[in-house]
């Protein structure tokens, strides 16, 4: 297992949770991450504001994904939370002025230092582009199996 696989943890896999919209998602995930000791109380405001300025929706087949994140100063310990909501959540598309993405997966990145971020993002995009793995992630019901599948395909 490589350095990035250590960022994934069963307690940060959230399957079939219900969120009204992006705002509700950020409120709930921030609260859950704060309660588990991964983020500071500033995380919610910081991730919401960053998403407004720098959208993170990715139009990748077979499933659209969003990778919201914020500055390291809001992170207590590094993580990647994996969220598969019970229905899509609209995000603005990364790098597109008016593009919208109906995200079916959300990978919340909590990195406490900048180095390695470009390599991690590249590995995540490769994972997201793997139709077989993403289809299995969409079907899987067990958190530990989600983590196992990601770890096998991330490093």
C-alpha atoms as a PDB file:
ATOM      1  CA  UNK A   1       0.000   0.000   0.000  1.00  0.00           C
ATOM      2  CA  UNK A   2       1.249   3.449  -0.874  1.00  0.00           C
ATOM      3  CA  UNK A   3       1.154   6.771   0.860  1.00  0.00           C
ATOM      4  CA  UNK A   4      -2.256   7.779  -0.532  1.00  0.00           C
ATOM      5  CA  UNK A   5      -4.058   4.625   0.545  1.00  0.00           C
ATOM      6  CA  UNK A   6      -3.386   5.651   4.169  1.00  0.00           C
ATOM      7  CA  UNK A   7      -5.749   8.619   3.699  1.00  0.00           C
ATOM      8  CA  UNK A   8      -8.766   6.315   3.331  1.00  0.00           C
ATOM      9  CA  UNK A   9     -10.541   4.934   6.391  1.00  0.00           C
ATOM     10  CA  UNK A  10     -13.745   2.916   6.839  1.00  0.00           C
ATOM     11  CA  UNK A  11     -15.133   5.443   9.329  1.00  0.00           C
ATOM     12  CA  UNK A  12     -15.067   8.043   6.542  1.00  0.00           C
ATOM     13  CA  UNK A  13     -17.182   6.117   4.046  1.00  0.00           C
ATOM     14  CA  UNK A  14     -20.725   7.476   3.925  1.00  0.00           C
ATOM     15  CA  UNK A  15     -23.065   5.369   1.792  1.00  0.00           C
ATOM     16  CA  UNK A  16     -26.548   6.381   0.688  1.00  0.00           C
ATOM     17  CA  UNK A  17     -26.778   9.463   2.901  1.00  0.00           C
ATOM     18  CA  UNK A  18     -29.447  11.996   1.993  1.00  0.00           C
ATOM     19  CA  UNK A  19     -28.514  15.608   1.276  1.00  0.00           C
ATOM     20  CA  UNK A  20     -30.938  18.257  -0.007  1.00  0.00           C
ATOM     21  CA  UNK A  21     -28.257  20.102  -1.959  1.00  0.00           C
ATOM     22  CA  UNK A  22     -24.615  21.106  -1.927  1.00  0.00           C
ATOM     23  CA  UNK A  23     -25.118  23.488   1.021  1.00  0.00           C
ATOM     24  CA  UNK A  24     -26.733  20.718   3.099  1.00  0.00           C
ATOM     25  CA  UNK A  25     -23.949  18.329   2.087  1.00  0.00           C
ATOM     26  CA  UNK A  26     -21.231  20.726   3.253  1.00  0.00           C
ATOM     27  CA  UNK A  27     -23.004  21.341   6.562  1.00  0.00           C
ATOM     28  CA  UNK A  28     -23.495  17.650   7.329  1.00  0.00           C
ATOM     29  CA  UNK A  29     -20.104  16.375   6.176  1.00  0.00           C
ATOM     30  CA  UNK A  30     -18.322  19.197   8.020  1.00  0.00           C
ATOM     31  CA  UNK A  31     -20.156  18.301  11.212  1.00  0.00           C
ATOM     32  CA  UNK A  32     -19.379  14.579  10.859  1.00  0.00           C
ATOM     33  CA  UNK A  33     -15.703  15.224  10.123  1.00  0.00           C
ATOM     34  CA  UNK A  34     -15.448  17.664  13.022  1.00  0.00           C
ATOM     35  CA  UNK A  35     -17.031  15.183  15.457  1.00  0.00           C
ATOM     36  CA  UNK A  36     -14.531  12.518  14.354  1.00  0.00           C
ATOM     37  CA  UNK A  37     -11.596  14.884  14.920  1.00  0.00           C
ATOM     38  CA  UNK A  38     -10.471  15.317  11.303  1.00  0.00           C
ATOM     39  CA  UNK A  39     -11.235  19.009  10.764  1.00  0.00           C
ATOM     40  CA  UNK A  40     -11.323  22.288  12.649  1.00  0.00           C
ATOM     41  CA  UNK A  41     -14.510  24.253  13.250  1.00  0.00           C
ATOM     42  CA  UNK A  42     -13.455  26.562  10.394  1.00  0.00           C
ATOM     43  CA  UNK A  43     -13.794  23.732   7.842  1.00  0.00           C
ATOM     44  CA  UNK A  44     -17.431  24.313   6.852  1.00  0.00           C
ATOM     45  CA  UNK A  45     -17.004  27.985   6.020  1.00  0.00           C
ATOM     46  CA  UNK A  46     -13.677  27.375   4.283  1.00  0.00           C
ATOM     47  CA  UNK A  47     -14.843  24.492   2.080  1.00  0.00           C
ATOM     48  CA  UNK A  48     -18.055  26.309   1.115  1.00  0.00           C
ATOM     49  CA  UNK A  49     -16.194  29.473   0.146  1.00  0.00           C
ATOM     50  CA  UNK A  50     -13.520  27.606  -1.771  1.00  0.00           C
ATOM     51  CA  UNK A  51     -16.109  25.645  -3.743  1.00  0.00           C
ATOM     52  CA  UNK A  52     -17.776  28.919  -4.805  1.00  0.00           C
ATOM     53  CA  UNK A  53     -14.493  30.302  -6.160  1.00  0.00           C
ATOM     54  CA  UNK A  54     -12.949  27.068  -7.457  1.00  0.00           C
ATOM     55  CA  UNK A  55     -15.598  24.481  -8.384  1.00  0.00           C
ATOM     56  CA  UNK A  56     -14.633  20.825  -8.077  1.00  0.00           C
ATOM     57  CA  UNK A  57     -17.237  18.967 -10.139  1.00  0.00           C
ATOM     58  CA  UNK A  58     -15.703  16.525 -12.622  1.00  0.00           C
ATOM     59  CA  UNK A  59     -17.594  15.285 -15.678  1.00  0.00           C
ATOM     60  CA  UNK A  60     -16.056  11.815 -15.818  1.00  0.00           C
ATOM     61  CA  UNK A  61     -17.698   8.713 -17.238  1.00  0.00           C
ATOM     62  CA  UNK A  62     -19.277   6.530 -16.039  1.00  0.00           C
ATOM     63  CA  UNK A  63     -20.099   8.564 -12.911  1.00  0.00           C
ATOM     64  CA  UNK A  64     -19.712  12.267 -12.261  1.00  0.00           C
ATOM     65  CA  UNK A  65     -17.620  13.089  -9.218  1.00  0.00           C
ATOM     66  CA  UNK A  66     -16.814  16.117  -7.060  1.00  0.00           C
ATOM     67  CA  UNK A  67     -13.623  16.518  -5.043  1.00  0.00           C
ATOM     68  CA  UNK A  68     -14.288  19.406  -2.637  1.00  0.00           C
ATOM     69  CA  UNK A  69     -11.365  20.481  -0.481  1.00  0.00           C
ATOM     70  CA  UNK A  70      -9.914  23.477   1.302  1.00  0.00           C
ATOM     71  CA  UNK A  71      -6.696  24.835   2.751  1.00  0.00           C
ATOM     72  CA  UNK A  72      -4.527  22.721   5.076  1.00  0.00           C
ATOM     73  CA  UNK A  73      -5.078  25.209   7.914  1.00  0.00           C
ATOM     74  CA  UNK A  74      -8.591  23.751   8.373  1.00  0.00           C
ATOM     75  CA  UNK A  75      -7.423  20.131   8.710  1.00  0.00           C
ATOM     76  CA  UNK A  76      -6.522  18.388  11.976  1.00  0.00           C
ATOM     77  CA  UNK A  77      -5.397  15.076  10.458  1.00  0.00           C
ATOM     78  CA  UNK A  78      -5.251  14.113   6.777  1.00  0.00           C
ATOM     79  CA  UNK A  79      -8.071  12.108   5.206  1.00  0.00           C
ATOM     80  CA  UNK A  80     -10.165  11.425   2.161  1.00  0.00           C
ATOM     81  CA  UNK A  81     -13.855  10.922   2.892  1.00  0.00           C
ATOM     82  CA  UNK A  82     -15.817   8.876   0.366  1.00  0.00           C
ATOM     83  CA  UNK A  83     -19.472   9.830   0.024  1.00  0.00           C
ATOM     84  CA  UNK A  84     -22.032   8.091  -2.152  1.00  0.00           C
ATOM     85  CA  UNK A  85     -25.239  10.079  -1.632  1.00  0.00           C
ATOM     86  CA  UNK A  86     -28.649   8.514  -2.182  1.00  0.00           C
ATOM     87  CA  UNK A  87     -29.169  10.906  -5.118  1.00  0.00           C
ATOM     88  CA  UNK A  88     -26.939  13.208  -7.150  1.00  0.00           C
ATOM     89  CA  UNK A  89     -25.779  16.585  -5.846  1.00  0.00           C
ATOM     90  CA  UNK A  90     -25.243  19.460  -8.234  1.00  0.00           C
ATOM     91  CA  UNK A  91     -21.762  20.980  -8.355  1.00  0.00           C
ATOM     92  CA  UNK A  92     -20.327  23.545 -10.712  1.00  0.00           C
ATOM     93  CA  UNK A  93     -17.913  21.943 -13.123  1.00  0.00           C
ATOM     94  CA  UNK A  94     -14.203  22.460 -12.560  1.00  0.00           C
ATOM     95  CA  UNK A  95     -12.746  24.892 -15.071  1.00  0.00           C
ATOM     96  CA  UNK A  96     -16.079  25.657 -16.762  1.00  0.00           C
ATOM     97  CA  UNK A  97     -17.827  29.007 -16.411  1.00  0.00           C
ATOM     98  CA  UNK A  98     -21.391  27.694 -16.401  1.00  0.00           C
ATOM     99  CA  UNK A  99     -21.066  23.908 -16.457  1.00  0.00           C
ATOM    100  CA  UNK A 100     -23.022  21.830 -13.957  1.00  0.00           C
ATOM    101  CA  UNK A 101     -22.239  18.306 -12.807  1.00  0.00           C
ATOM    102  CA  UNK A 102     -24.657  15.939 -11.074  1.00  0.00           C
ATOM    103  CA  UNK A 103     -22.126  14.281  -8.768  1.00  0.00           C
ATOM    104  CA  UNK A 104     -22.815  10.669  -7.840  1.00  0.00           C
ATOM    105  CA  UNK A 105     -19.654  10.352  -5.741  1.00  0.00           C
ATOM    106  CA  UNK A 106     -17.964  12.922  -3.544  1.00  0.00           C
ATOM    107  CA  UNK A 107     -14.409  12.543  -2.394  1.00  0.00           C
ATOM    108  CA  UNK A 108     -13.755  15.168   0.292  1.00  0.00           C
ATOM    109  CA  UNK A 109     -10.021  15.805   0.424  1.00  0.00           C
ATOM    110  CA  UNK A 110      -8.517  16.795   3.744  1.00  0.00           C
ATOM    111  CA  UNK A 111      -4.833  17.275   3.104  1.00  0.00           C
ATOM    112  CA  UNK A 112      -2.683  19.019   5.672  1.00  0.00           C
ATOM    113  CA  UNK A 113       0.171  19.849   3.324  1.00  0.00           C
ATOM    114  CA  UNK A 114       0.366  20.793  -0.311  1.00  0.00           C
ATOM    115  CA  UNK A 115       3.082  18.474  -1.517  1.00  0.00           C
ATOM    116  CA  UNK A 116       1.869  15.410  -3.340  1.00  0.00           C
ATOM    117  CA  UNK A 117      -1.527  16.962  -4.088  1.00  0.00           C
ATOM    118  CA  UNK A 118      -1.021  17.007  -7.876  1.00  0.00           C
ATOM    119  CA  UNK A 119       0.037  13.347  -7.844  1.00  0.00           C
ATOM    120  CA  UNK A 120      -2.936  12.418  -5.651  1.00  0.00           C
ATOM    121  CA  UNK A 121      -5.370  14.244  -7.946  1.00  0.00           C
ATOM    122  CA  UNK A 122      -3.902  12.427 -10.941  1.00  0.00           C
ATOM    123  CA  UNK A 123      -4.338   9.059  -9.219  1.00  0.00           C
ATOM    124  CA  UNK A 124      -7.916   9.937  -8.237  1.00  0.00           C
ATOM    125  CA  UNK A 125      -8.816  10.919 -11.805  1.00  0.00           C
ATOM    126  CA  UNK A 126      -7.385   7.604 -12.994  1.00  0.00           C
ATOM    127  CA  UNK A 127      -9.541   5.829 -10.408  1.00  0.00           C
ATOM    128  CA  UNK A 128     -12.645   7.803 -11.429  1.00  0.00           C
ATOM    129  CA  UNK A 129     -12.010   6.939 -15.089  1.00  0.00           C
ATOM    130  CA  UNK A 130     -11.871   3.199 -14.391  1.00  0.00           C
ATOM    131  CA  UNK A 131     -15.385   2.115 -15.368  1.00  0.00           C
ATOM    132  CA  UNK A 132     -15.108  -1.343 -13.801  1.00  0.00           C
ATOM    133  CA  UNK A 133     -13.894  -0.079 -10.414  1.00  0.00           C
ATOM    134  CA  UNK A 134     -16.372   2.815 -10.305  1.00  0.00           C
ATOM    135  CA  UNK A 135     -19.262   0.495 -11.165  1.00  0.00           C
ATOM    136  CA  UNK A 136     -18.216  -1.793  -8.326  1.00  0.00           C
ATOM    137  CA  UNK A 137     -17.997   1.210  -5.966  1.00  0.00           C
ATOM    138  CA  UNK A 138     -21.514   2.212  -6.993  1.00  0.00           C
ATOM    139  CA  UNK A 139     -22.888  -1.252  -6.165  1.00  0.00           C
ATOM    140  CA  UNK A 140     -20.899  -2.091  -3.035  1.00  0.00           C
ATOM    141  CA  UNK A 141     -22.812  -2.062   0.269  1.00  0.00           C
ATOM    142  CA  UNK A 142     -19.959  -2.543   2.771  1.00  0.00           C
ATOM    143  CA  UNK A 143     -17.658   0.286   3.836  1.00  0.00           C
ATOM    144  CA  UNK A 144     -14.669  -2.027   4.274  1.00  0.00           C
ATOM    145  CA  UNK A 145     -15.089  -3.328   0.716  1.00  0.00           C
ATOM    146  CA  UNK A 146     -15.219   0.235  -0.626  1.00  0.00           C
ATOM    147  CA  UNK A 147     -11.931   1.026   1.117  1.00  0.00           C
ATOM    148  CA  UNK A 148     -10.334  -2.219  -0.060  1.00  0.00           C
ATOM    149  CA  UNK A 149     -11.324  -1.539  -3.665  1.00  0.00           C
ATOM    150  CA  UNK A 150     -10.021   2.031  -3.554  1.00  0.00           C
ATOM    151  CA  UNK A 151      -6.734   1.025  -1.923  1.00  0.00           C
ATOM    152  CA  UNK A 152      -6.176  -1.672  -4.550  1.00  0.00           C
ATOM    153  CA  UNK A 153      -6.644   0.872  -7.314  1.00  0.00           C
ATOM    154  CA  UNK A 154      -5.207   4.148  -5.979  1.00  0.00           C
ATOM    155  CA  UNK A 155      -1.450   3.592  -5.612  1.00  0.00           C
END
